PDB file of N, CA and C in Angstrom:
ATOM      1  N   UNK A   1     -10.732   5.967  11.706  1.00  0.00           N
ATOM      2  CA  UNK A   1      -9.461   5.273  11.520  1.00  0.00           C
ATOM      3  C   UNK A   1      -9.259   5.089  10.020  1.00  0.00           C
ATOM      4  N   UNK A   2      -8.017   5.278   9.617  1.00  0.00           N
ATOM      5  CA  UNK A   2      -7.574   4.990   8.264  1.00  0.00           C
ATOM      6  C   UNK A   2      -7.007   3.632   8.120  1.00  0.00           C
ATOM      7  N   UNK A   3      -7.562   2.896   7.169  1.00  0.00           N
ATOM      8  CA  UNK A   3      -6.968   1.477   6.892  1.00  0.00           C
ATOM      9  C   UNK A   3      -5.923   1.643   5.896  1.00  0.00           C
ATOM     10  N   UNK A   4      -4.779   1.008   6.100  1.00  0.00           N
ATOM     11  CA  UNK A   4      -3.674   1.020   5.150  1.00  0.00           C
ATOM     12  C   UNK A   4      -3.351  -0.388   4.737  1.00  0.00           C
ATOM     13  N   UNK A   5      -3.498  -0.702   3.513  1.00  0.00           N
ATOM     14  CA  UNK A   5      -3.144  -2.032   3.006  1.00  0.00           C
ATOM     15  C   UNK A   5      -1.686  -1.973   2.498  1.00  0.00           C
ATOM     16  N   UNK A   6      -0.838  -2.877   3.043  1.00  0.00           N
ATOM     17  CA  UNK A   6       0.585  -2.964   2.740  1.00  0.00           C
ATOM     18  C   UNK A   6       0.933  -4.433   2.539  1.00  0.00           C
ATOM     19  N   UNK A   7       2.169  -4.643   2.217  1.00  0.00           N
ATOM     20  CA  UNK A   7       2.744  -5.980   2.128  1.00  0.00           C
ATOM     21  C   UNK A   7       4.195  -5.940   2.504  1.00  0.00           C
ATOM     22  N   UNK A   8       4.666  -6.921   3.290  1.00  0.00           N
ATOM     23  CA  UNK A   8       6.057  -6.882   3.745  1.00  0.00           C
ATOM     24  C   UNK A   8       7.052  -6.910   2.703  1.00  0.00           C
ATOM     25  N   UNK A   9       6.697  -7.570   1.564  1.00  0.00           N
ATOM     26  CA  UNK A   9       7.699  -7.714   0.482  1.00  0.00           C
ATOM     27  C   UNK A   9       7.573  -6.550  -0.564  1.00  0.00           C
ATOM     28  N   UNK A  10       6.779  -5.538  -0.291  1.00  0.00           N
ATOM     29  CA  UNK A  10       6.602  -4.421  -1.203  1.00  0.00           C
ATOM     30  C   UNK A  10       7.562  -3.297  -0.809  1.00  0.00           C
ATOM     31  N   UNK A  11       8.449  -2.958  -1.651  1.00  0.00           N
ATOM     32  CA  UNK A  11       9.428  -1.837  -1.287  1.00  0.00           C
ATOM     33  C   UNK A  11       8.806  -0.572  -1.021  1.00  0.00           C
ATOM     34  N   UNK A  12       7.670  -0.247  -1.667  1.00  0.00           N
ATOM     35  CA  UNK A  12       7.018   1.039  -1.402  1.00  0.00           C
ATOM     36  C   UNK A  12       6.342   1.072  -0.077  1.00  0.00           C
ATOM     37  N   UNK A  13       6.047  -0.062   0.550  1.00  0.00           N
ATOM     38  CA  UNK A  13       5.342  -0.121   1.782  1.00  0.00           C
ATOM     39  C   UNK A  13       6.275   0.008   3.000  1.00  0.00           C
ATOM     40  N   UNK A  14       7.563  -0.189   2.774  1.00  0.00           N
ATOM     41  CA  UNK A  14       8.521  -0.209   3.889  1.00  0.00           C
ATOM     42  C   UNK A  14       8.463   1.046   4.751  1.00  0.00           C
ATOM     43  N   UNK A  15       8.624   2.247   4.117  1.00  0.00           N
ATOM     44  CA  UNK A  15       8.657   3.497   4.798  1.00  0.00           C
ATOM     45  C   UNK A  15       7.269   3.798   5.401  1.00  0.00           C
ATOM     46  N   UNK A  16       6.240   3.381   4.742  1.00  0.00           N
ATOM     47  CA  UNK A  16       4.841   3.634   5.237  1.00  0.00           C
ATOM     48  C   UNK A  16       4.679   2.824   6.561  1.00  0.00           C
ATOM     49  N   UNK A  17       5.084   1.560   6.524  1.00  0.00           N
ATOM     50  CA  UNK A  17       4.932   0.813   7.758  1.00  0.00           C
ATOM     51  C   UNK A  17       5.828   1.308   8.937  1.00  0.00           C
ATOM     52  N   UNK A  18       7.008   1.745   8.582  1.00  0.00           N
ATOM     53  CA  UNK A  18       7.878   2.330   9.568  1.00  0.00           C
ATOM     54  C   UNK A  18       7.329   3.613  10.181  1.00  0.00           C
ATOM     55  N   UNK A  19       6.762   4.461   9.367  1.00  0.00           N
ATOM     56  CA  UNK A  19       6.249   5.786   9.826  1.00  0.00           C
ATOM     57  C   UNK A  19       4.959   5.611  10.550  1.00  0.00           C
ATOM     58  N   UNK A  20       4.065   4.705  10.151  1.00  0.00           N
ATOM     59  CA  UNK A  20       2.755   4.593  10.675  1.00  0.00           C
ATOM     60  C   UNK A  20       2.513   3.504  11.689  1.00  0.00           C
ATOM     61  N   UNK A  21       3.468   2.646  11.814  1.00  0.00           N
ATOM     62  CA  UNK A  21       3.324   1.417  12.611  1.00  0.00           C
ATOM     63  C   UNK A  21       2.733   1.542  14.008  1.00  0.00           C
ATOM     64  N   UNK A  22       3.151   2.647  14.693  1.00  0.00           N
ATOM     65  CA  UNK A  22       2.650   2.798  16.063  1.00  0.00           C
ATOM     66  C   UNK A  22       1.614   3.896  16.197  1.00  0.00           C
ATOM     67  N   UNK A  23       1.138   4.460  15.091  1.00  0.00           N
ATOM     68  CA  UNK A  23       0.138   5.515  15.151  1.00  0.00           C
ATOM     69  C   UNK A  23      -1.279   4.946  15.211  1.00  0.00           C
ATOM     70  N   UNK A  24      -1.953   5.178  16.272  1.00  0.00           N
ATOM     71  CA  UNK A  24      -3.307   4.638  16.549  1.00  0.00           C
ATOM     72  C   UNK A  24      -4.410   5.070  15.507  1.00  0.00           C
ATOM     73  N   UNK A  25      -4.088   6.132  14.693  1.00  0.00           N
ATOM     74  CA  UNK A  25      -5.025   6.587  13.735  1.00  0.00           C
ATOM     75  C   UNK A  25      -5.095   5.685  12.533  1.00  0.00           C
ATOM     76  N   UNK A  26      -4.162   4.784  12.400  1.00  0.00           N
ATOM     77  CA  UNK A  26      -4.027   3.904  11.273  1.00  0.00           C
ATOM     78  C   UNK A  26      -4.106   2.427  11.638  1.00  0.00           C
ATOM     79  N   UNK A  27      -4.844   1.675  10.754  1.00  0.00           N
ATOM     80  CA  UNK A  27      -4.807   0.201  10.920  1.00  0.00           C
ATOM     81  C   UNK A  27      -4.068  -0.320   9.756  1.00  0.00           C
ATOM     82  N   UNK A  28      -2.868  -0.895  10.009  1.00  0.00           N
ATOM     83  CA  UNK A  28      -2.059  -1.477   8.948  1.00  0.00           C
ATOM     84  C   UNK A  28      -2.481  -2.893   8.712  1.00  0.00           C
ATOM     85  N   UNK A  29      -2.796  -3.214   7.495  1.00  0.00           N
ATOM     86  CA  UNK A  29      -3.112  -4.633   7.191  1.00  0.00           C
ATOM     87  C   UNK A  29      -2.205  -5.134   6.151  1.00  0.00           C
ATOM     88  N   UNK A  30      -1.383  -6.119   6.516  1.00  0.00           N
ATOM     89  CA  UNK A  30      -0.446  -6.695   5.586  1.00  0.00           C
ATOM     90  C   UNK A  30      -1.138  -7.829   4.843  1.00  0.00           C
ATOM     91  N   UNK A  31      -1.383  -7.582   3.597  1.00  0.00           N
ATOM     92  CA  UNK A  31      -2.225  -8.550   2.736  1.00  0.00           C
ATOM     93  C   UNK A  31      -1.461  -9.877   2.512  1.00  0.00           C
ATOM     94  N   UNK A  32      -0.251  -9.886   2.837  1.00  0.00           N
ATOM     95  CA  UNK A  32       0.573 -11.169   2.709  1.00  0.00           C
ATOM     96  C   UNK A  32       0.539 -12.056   3.954  1.00  0.00           C
ATOM     97  N   UNK A  33      -0.090 -11.610   5.016  1.00  0.00           N
ATOM     98  CA  UNK A  33      -0.027 -12.405   6.251  1.00  0.00           C
ATOM     99  C   UNK A  33      -1.139 -13.444   6.375  1.00  0.00           C
ATOM    100  N   UNK A  34      -2.242 -13.209   5.653  1.00  0.00           N
ATOM    101  CA  UNK A  34      -3.366 -14.117   5.709  1.00  0.00           C
ATOM    102  C   UNK A  34      -4.239 -13.945   4.450  1.00  0.00           C
ATOM    103  N   UNK A  35      -4.742 -15.070   3.977  1.00  0.00           N
ATOM    104  CA  UNK A  35      -5.550 -14.959   2.771  1.00  0.00           C
ATOM    105  C   UNK A  35      -6.808 -14.126   3.008  1.00  0.00           C
ATOM    106  N   UNK A  36      -7.286 -14.097   4.150  1.00  0.00           N
ATOM    107  CA  UNK A  36      -8.480 -13.272   4.498  1.00  0.00           C
ATOM    108  C   UNK A  36      -8.165 -11.738   4.242  1.00  0.00           C
ATOM    109  N   UNK A  37      -6.988 -11.305   4.589  1.00  0.00           N
ATOM    110  CA  UNK A  37      -6.558  -9.948   4.287  1.00  0.00           C
ATOM    111  C   UNK A  37      -6.437  -9.685   2.763  1.00  0.00           C
ATOM    112  N   UNK A  38      -5.910 -10.681   2.046  1.00  0.00           N
ATOM    113  CA  UNK A  38      -5.701 -10.597   0.605  1.00  0.00           C
ATOM    114  C   UNK A  38      -7.082 -10.488  -0.065  1.00  0.00           C
ATOM    115  N   UNK A  39      -8.039 -11.292   0.396  1.00  0.00           N
ATOM    116  CA  UNK A  39      -9.367 -11.302  -0.175  1.00  0.00           C
ATOM    117  C   UNK A  39     -10.054  -9.973   0.006  1.00  0.00           C
ATOM    118  N   UNK A  40      -9.894  -9.420   1.216  1.00  0.00           N
ATOM    119  CA  UNK A  40     -10.478  -8.093   1.513  1.00  0.00           C
ATOM    120  C   UNK A  40      -9.947  -7.070   0.598  1.00  0.00           C
ATOM    121  N   UNK A  41      -8.636  -7.054   0.445  1.00  0.00           N
ATOM    122  CA  UNK A  41      -7.964  -6.038  -0.465  1.00  0.00           C
ATOM    123  C   UNK A  41      -8.448  -6.274  -1.889  1.00  0.00           C
ATOM    124  N   UNK A  42      -8.460  -7.509  -2.376  1.00  0.00           N
ATOM    125  CA  UNK A  42      -8.851  -7.786  -3.757  1.00  0.00           C
ATOM    126  C   UNK A  42     -10.319  -7.365  -4.047  1.00  0.00           C
ATOM    127  N   UNK A  43     -11.194  -7.575  -3.047  1.00  0.00           N
ATOM    128  CA  UNK A  43     -12.554  -7.111  -3.252  1.00  0.00           C
ATOM    129  C   UNK A  43     -12.654  -5.615  -3.452  1.00  0.00           C
ATOM    130  N   UNK A  44     -11.888  -4.879  -2.659  1.00  0.00           N
ATOM    131  CA  UNK A  44     -11.747  -3.435  -2.808  1.00  0.00           C
ATOM    132  C   UNK A  44     -11.124  -3.035  -4.173  1.00  0.00           C
ATOM    133  N   UNK A  45     -10.042  -3.663  -4.500  1.00  0.00           N
ATOM    134  CA  UNK A  45      -9.382  -3.401  -5.725  1.00  0.00           C
ATOM    135  C   UNK A  45     -10.188  -3.632  -7.002  1.00  0.00           C
ATOM    136  N   UNK A  46     -10.919  -4.697  -6.899  1.00  0.00           N
ATOM    137  CA  UNK A  46     -11.755  -5.076  -8.038  1.00  0.00           C
ATOM    138  C   UNK A  46     -13.013  -4.257  -8.231  1.00  0.00           C
ATOM    139  N   UNK A  47     -13.407  -3.527  -7.146  1.00  0.00           N
ATOM    140  CA  UNK A  47     -14.711  -2.805  -7.192  1.00  0.00           C
ATOM    141  C   UNK A  47     -14.625  -1.249  -7.097  1.00  0.00           C
ATOM    142  N   UNK A  48     -13.580  -0.761  -6.504  1.00  0.00           N
ATOM    143  CA  UNK A  48     -13.440   0.658  -6.225  1.00  0.00           C
ATOM    144  C   UNK A  48     -12.910   1.366  -7.474  1.00  0.00           C
ATOM    145  N   UNK A  49     -13.624   2.462  -7.881  1.00  0.00           N
ATOM    146  CA  UNK A  49     -13.179   3.152  -9.094  1.00  0.00           C
ATOM    147  C   UNK A  49     -11.726   3.786  -8.994  1.00  0.00           C
ATOM    148  N   UNK A  50     -11.256   4.004  -7.800  1.00  0.00           N
ATOM    149  CA  UNK A  50      -9.904   4.594  -7.648  1.00  0.00           C
ATOM    150  C   UNK A  50      -8.824   3.665  -8.165  1.00  0.00           C
ATOM    151  N   UNK A  51      -9.171   2.335  -8.258  1.00  0.00           N
ATOM    152  CA  UNK A  51      -8.145   1.408  -8.763  1.00  0.00           C
ATOM    153  C   UNK A  51      -8.102   1.277 -10.266  1.00  0.00           C
ATOM    154  N   UNK A  52      -8.988   1.923 -10.973  1.00  0.00           N
ATOM    155  CA  UNK A  52      -9.072   1.740 -12.476  1.00  0.00           C
ATOM    156  C   UNK A  52      -7.733   2.009 -13.097  1.00  0.00           C
ATOM    157  N   UNK A  53      -7.118   3.124 -12.798  1.00  0.00           N
ATOM    158  CA  UNK A  53      -5.786   3.495 -13.345  1.00  0.00           C
ATOM    159  C   UNK A  53      -4.670   2.555 -12.906  1.00  0.00           C
ATOM    160  N   UNK A  54      -4.787   2.083 -11.618  1.00  0.00           N
ATOM    161  CA  UNK A  54      -3.813   1.136 -11.135  1.00  0.00           C
ATOM    162  C   UNK A  54      -3.860  -0.196 -11.890  1.00  0.00           C
ATOM    163  N   UNK A  55      -5.070  -0.643 -12.046  1.00  0.00           N
ATOM    164  CA  UNK A  55      -5.283  -1.939 -12.782  1.00  0.00           C
ATOM    165  C   UNK A  55      -4.769  -1.793 -14.273  1.00  0.00           C
ATOM    166  N   UNK A  56      -5.112  -0.628 -14.860  1.00  0.00           N
ATOM    167  CA  UNK A  56      -4.761  -0.414 -16.299  1.00  0.00           C
ATOM    168  C   UNK A  56      -3.240  -0.416 -16.524  1.00  0.00           C
ATOM    169  N   UNK A  57      -2.496  -0.015 -15.527  1.00  0.00           N
ATOM    170  CA  UNK A  57      -1.064  -0.093 -15.749  1.00  0.00           C
ATOM    171  C   UNK A  57      -0.362  -1.349 -15.152  1.00  0.00           C
ATOM    172  N   UNK A  58      -1.258  -2.258 -14.704  1.00  0.00           N
ATOM    173  CA  UNK A  58      -0.710  -3.511 -14.261  1.00  0.00           C
ATOM    174  C   UNK A  58      -0.073  -3.511 -12.804  1.00  0.00           C
ATOM    175  N   UNK A  59      -0.394  -2.466 -12.077  1.00  0.00           N
ATOM    176  CA  UNK A  59       0.142  -2.355 -10.697  1.00  0.00           C
ATOM    177  C   UNK A  59      -0.847  -3.101  -9.706  1.00  0.00           C
ATOM    178  N   UNK A  60      -0.353  -3.230  -8.469  1.00  0.00           N
ATOM    179  CA  UNK A  60      -1.091  -3.924  -7.469  1.00  0.00           C
ATOM    180  C   UNK A  60      -1.994  -2.889  -6.714  1.00  0.00           C
ATOM    181  N   UNK A  61      -1.358  -1.693  -6.373  1.00  0.00           N
ATOM    182  CA  UNK A  61      -2.165  -0.681  -5.723  1.00  0.00           C
ATOM    183  C   UNK A  61      -1.848  -0.591  -4.223  1.00  0.00           C
ATOM    184  N   UNK A  62      -0.720  -0.978  -3.809  1.00  0.00           N
ATOM    185  CA  UNK A  62      -0.260  -0.798  -2.377  1.00  0.00           C
ATOM    186  C   UNK A  62       0.981   0.060  -2.374  1.00  0.00           C
ATOM    187  N   UNK A  63       1.204   0.762  -1.336  1.00  0.00           N
ATOM    188  CA  UNK A  63       0.300   0.976  -0.168  1.00  0.00           C
ATOM    189  C   UNK A  63      -1.015   1.719  -0.677  1.00  0.00           C
ATOM    190  N   UNK A  64      -2.030   1.369   0.026  1.00  0.00           N
ATOM    191  CA  UNK A  64      -3.339   1.909  -0.282  1.00  0.00           C
ATOM    192  C   UNK A  64      -4.034   2.387   1.053  1.00  0.00           C
ATOM    193  N   UNK A  65      -4.466   3.649   1.067  1.00  0.00           N
ATOM    194  CA  UNK A  65      -5.089   4.253   2.225  1.00  0.00           C
ATOM    195  C   UNK A  65      -6.570   4.372   1.978  1.00  0.00           C
ATOM    196  N   UNK A  66      -7.397   3.683   2.885  1.00  0.00           N
ATOM    197  CA  UNK A  66      -8.831   3.792   2.768  1.00  0.00           C
ATOM    198  C   UNK A  66      -9.281   4.629   3.916  1.00  0.00           C
ATOM    199  N   UNK A  67      -9.843   5.774   3.605  1.00  0.00           N
ATOM    200  CA  UNK A  67     -10.329   6.733   4.626  1.00  0.00           C
ATOM    201  C   UNK A  67     -11.701   6.314   5.161  1.00  0.00           C
ATOM    202  N   UNK A  68     -12.080   6.835   6.337  1.00  0.00           N
ATOM    203  CA  UNK A  68     -13.377   6.424   6.905  1.00  0.00           C
ATOM    204  C   UNK A  68     -14.596   6.617   6.022  1.00  0.00           C
ATOM    205  N   UNK A  69     -14.504   7.601   5.122  1.00  0.00           N
ATOM    206  CA  UNK A  69     -15.665   7.800   4.245  1.00  0.00           C
ATOM    207  C   UNK A  69     -15.664   6.880   3.027  1.00  0.00           C
ATOM    208  N   UNK A  70     -14.707   5.978   2.983  1.00  0.00           N
ATOM    209  CA  UNK A  70     -14.629   4.983   1.882  1.00  0.00           C
ATOM    210  C   UNK A  70     -13.749   5.377   0.727  1.00  0.00           C
ATOM    211  N   UNK A  71     -13.306   6.639   0.708  1.00  0.00           N
ATOM    212  CA  UNK A  71     -12.423   7.086  -0.381  1.00  0.00           C
ATOM    213  C   UNK A  71     -11.093   6.387  -0.307  1.00  0.00           C
ATOM    214  N   UNK A  72     -10.367   6.330  -1.418  1.00  0.00           N
ATOM    215  CA  UNK A  72      -9.093   5.650  -1.473  1.00  0.00           C
ATOM    216  C   UNK A  72      -7.987   6.587  -2.066  1.00  0.00           C
ATOM    217  N   UNK A  73      -6.832   6.509  -1.393  1.00  0.00           N
ATOM    218  CA  UNK A  73      -5.731   7.355  -1.871  1.00  0.00           C
ATOM    219  C   UNK A  73      -4.469   6.456  -1.900  1.00  0.00           C
ATOM    220  N   UNK A  74      -3.585   6.789  -2.848  1.00  0.00           N
ATOM    221  CA  UNK A  74      -2.287   6.048  -3.001  1.00  0.00           C
ATOM    222  C   UNK A  74      -1.168   7.022  -2.727  1.00  0.00           C
ATOM    223  N   UNK A  75      -1.491   8.209  -2.196  1.00  0.00           N
ATOM    224  CA  UNK A  75      -0.502   9.272  -1.959  1.00  0.00           C
ATOM    225  C   UNK A  75      -0.011   9.176  -0.464  1.00  0.00           C
ATOM    226  N   UNK A  76       1.015   8.387  -0.277  1.00  0.00           N
ATOM    227  CA  UNK A  76       1.556   8.182   1.084  1.00  0.00           C
ATOM    228  C   UNK A  76       1.984   9.467   1.759  1.00  0.00           C
ATOM    229  N   UNK A  77       2.568  10.404   0.986  1.00  0.00           N
ATOM    230  CA  UNK A  77       3.113  11.629   1.498  1.00  0.00           C
ATOM    231  C   UNK A  77       1.978  12.476   2.271  1.00  0.00           C
ATOM    232  N   UNK A  78       0.778  12.262   1.775  1.00  0.00           N
ATOM    233  CA  UNK A  78      -0.368  12.978   2.350  1.00  0.00           C
ATOM    234  C   UNK A  78      -0.657  12.546   3.852  1.00  0.00           C
ATOM    235  N   UNK A  79      -0.259  11.327   4.185  1.00  0.00           N
ATOM    236  CA  UNK A  79      -0.536  10.779   5.527  1.00  0.00           C
ATOM    237  C   UNK A  79       0.656  10.718   6.407  1.00  0.00           C
ATOM    238  N   UNK A  80       1.794  10.937   5.923  1.00  0.00           N
ATOM    239  CA  UNK A  80       3.040  10.745   6.753  1.00  0.00           C
ATOM    240  C   UNK A  80       3.420  12.081   7.335  1.00  0.00           C
ATOM    241  N   UNK A  81       3.661  12.101   8.615  1.00  0.00           N
ATOM    242  CA  UNK A  81       4.203  13.169   9.337  1.00  0.00           C
ATOM    243  C   UNK A  81       5.749  12.794   9.526  1.00  0.00           C
ATOM    244  N   UNK A  82       6.375  12.521   8.399  1.00  0.00           N
ATOM    245  CA  UNK A  82       7.735  12.009   8.439  1.00  0.00           C
ATOM    246  C   UNK A  82       8.738  13.093   8.598  1.00  0.00           C
ATOM    247  N   UNK A  83       9.782  12.782   9.362  1.00  0.00           N
ATOM    248  CA  UNK A  83      10.917  13.613   9.479  1.00  0.00           C
ATOM    249  C   UNK A  83      11.880  13.314   8.313  1.00  0.00           C
ATOM    250  N   UNK A  84      13.014  13.959   8.332  1.00  0.00           N
ATOM    251  CA  UNK A  84      13.985  13.806   7.226  1.00  0.00           C
ATOM    252  C   UNK A  84      14.471  12.349   7.088  1.00  0.00           C
ATOM    253  N   UNK A  85      14.501  11.615   8.200  1.00  0.00           N
ATOM    254  CA  UNK A  85      14.986  10.264   8.086  1.00  0.00           C
ATOM    255  C   UNK A  85      14.039   9.242   7.505  1.00  0.00           C
ATOM    256  N   UNK A  86      12.827   9.586   7.332  1.00  0.00           N
ATOM    257  CA  UNK A  86      11.844   8.716   6.686  1.00  0.00           C
ATOM    258  C   UNK A  86      11.437   9.183   5.343  1.00  0.00           C
ATOM    259  N   UNK A  87      11.688   8.299   4.385  1.00  0.00           N
ATOM    260  CA  UNK A  87      11.393   8.672   2.969  1.00  0.00           C
ATOM    261  C   UNK A  87      10.423   7.654   2.427  1.00  0.00           C
ATOM    262  N   UNK A  88       9.549   8.011   1.532  1.00  0.00           N
ATOM    263  CA  UNK A  88       8.689   7.073   0.905  1.00  0.00           C
ATOM    264  C   UNK A  88       9.244   6.574  -0.443  1.00  0.00           C
ATOM    265  N   UNK A  89      10.449   6.981  -0.724  1.00  0.00           N
ATOM    266  CA  UNK A  89      11.103   6.447  -1.994  1.00  0.00           C
ATOM    267  C   UNK A  89      11.342   4.987  -1.733  1.00  0.00           C
ATOM    268  N   UNK A  90      11.034   4.228  -2.760  1.00  0.00           N
ATOM    269  CA  UNK A  90      11.243   2.687  -2.615  1.00  0.00           C
ATOM    270  C   UNK A  90      12.696   2.351  -2.411  1.00  0.00           C
ATOM    271  N   UNK A  91      12.894   1.305  -1.685  1.00  0.00           N
ATOM    272  CA  UNK A  91      14.228   0.728  -1.527  1.00  0.00           C
ATOM    273  C   UNK A  91      14.629   0.073  -2.822  1.00  0.00           C
ATOM    274  N   UNK A  92      15.897  -0.153  -3.107  1.00  0.00           N
ATOM    275  CA  UNK A  92      16.300  -0.870  -4.317  1.00  0.00           C
ATOM    276  C   UNK A  92      15.631  -2.256  -4.400  1.00  0.00           C
ATOM    277  N   UNK A  93      15.087  -2.655  -5.518  1.00  0.00           N
ATOM    278  CA  UNK A  93      14.499  -3.920  -5.667  1.00  0.00           C
ATOM    279  C   UNK A  93      15.536  -5.069  -5.559  1.00  0.00           C
ATOM    280  N   UNK A  94      15.150  -6.058  -4.853  1.00  0.00           N
ATOM    281  CA  UNK A  94      15.909  -7.281  -4.901  1.00  0.00           C
ATOM    282  C   UNK A  94      15.449  -8.212  -6.043  1.00  0.00           C
ATOM    283  N   UNK A  95      16.266  -9.147  -6.336  1.00  0.00           N
ATOM    284  CA  UNK A  95      15.844 -10.064  -7.405  1.00  0.00           C
ATOM    285  C   UNK A  95      14.528 -10.623  -7.159  1.00  0.00           C
ATOM    286  N   UNK A  96      13.640 -10.528  -8.093  1.00  0.00           N
ATOM    287  CA  UNK A  96      12.295 -11.085  -8.029  1.00  0.00           C
ATOM    288  C   UNK A  96      11.279 -10.227  -7.304  1.00  0.00           C
ATOM    289  N   UNK A  97      11.727  -9.102  -6.710  1.00  0.00           N
ATOM    290  CA  UNK A  97      10.752  -8.228  -6.039  1.00  0.00           C
ATOM    291  C   UNK A  97      10.073  -7.287  -7.035  1.00  0.00           C
ATOM    292  N   UNK A  98       8.742  -7.299  -7.067  1.00  0.00           N
ATOM    293  CA  UNK A  98       8.067  -6.406  -7.988  1.00  0.00           C
ATOM    294  C   UNK A  98       6.667  -6.171  -7.430  1.00  0.00           C
ATOM    295  N   UNK A  99       6.176  -5.000  -7.605  1.00  0.00           N
ATOM    296  CA  UNK A  99       4.819  -4.656  -7.238  1.00  0.00           C
ATOM    297  C   UNK A  99       3.813  -4.585  -8.367  1.00  0.00           C
ATOM    298  N   UNK A 100       4.349  -4.733  -9.608  1.00  0.00           N
ATOM    299  CA  UNK A 100       3.442  -4.804 -10.719  1.00  0.00           C
ATOM    300  C   UNK A 100       3.199  -6.245 -11.050  1.00  0.00           C
ATOM    301  N   UNK A 101       2.014  -6.549 -11.595  1.00  0.00           N
ATOM    302  CA  UNK A 101       1.648  -7.904 -11.863  1.00  0.00           C
ATOM    303  C   UNK A 101       2.522  -8.520 -12.907  1.00  0.00           C
ATOM    304  N   UNK A 102       3.085  -7.692 -13.875  1.00  0.00           N
ATOM    305  CA  UNK A 102       3.926  -8.249 -14.901  1.00  0.00           C
ATOM    306  C   UNK A 102       5.369  -8.429 -14.443  1.00  0.00           C
ATOM    307  N   UNK A 103       5.706  -8.075 -13.213  1.00  0.00           N
ATOM    308  CA  UNK A 103       7.073  -8.258 -12.668  1.00  0.00           C
ATOM    309  C   UNK A 103       8.030  -7.218 -13.030  1.00  0.00           C
ATOM    310  N   UNK A 104       7.619  -6.018 -13.615  1.00  0.00           N
ATOM    311  CA  UNK A 104       8.500  -4.994 -13.992  1.00  0.00           C
ATOM    312  C   UNK A 104       8.965  -4.069 -12.903  1.00  0.00           C
ATOM    313  N   UNK A 105       8.394  -4.149 -11.737  1.00  0.00           N
ATOM    314  CA  UNK A 105       8.785  -3.227 -10.629  1.00  0.00           C
ATOM    315  C   UNK A 105       7.613  -2.523 -10.083  1.00  0.00           C
ATOM    316  N   UNK A 106       7.850  -1.561  -9.256  1.00  0.00           N
ATOM    317  CA  UNK A 106       6.862  -0.787  -8.581  1.00  0.00           C
ATOM    318  C   UNK A 106       6.542   0.519  -9.255  1.00  0.00           C
TER     319      UNK A 106
END
């Protein structure tokens, strides 16, 4: 099973959640629903080498795909069997919405 870390308020996660929500091959974990999920994600983000570039540019690193072998990917297109109606392009940001730690956007 592939674990996918997302957050309801992340514009980049919207299409991923829509496309994968009912697919049993994926476990969607919304890091904003419980501090336990956030801590699990932060442990991964703070220790996995795949996040080095993400941290360097001040991004959060979601959506994040964790494969059964422990490897991490941020390439949503790789996992989506999306039709033309599903796009992984982010929705327009609403006031205050940002996926980067400095508030500049996703």
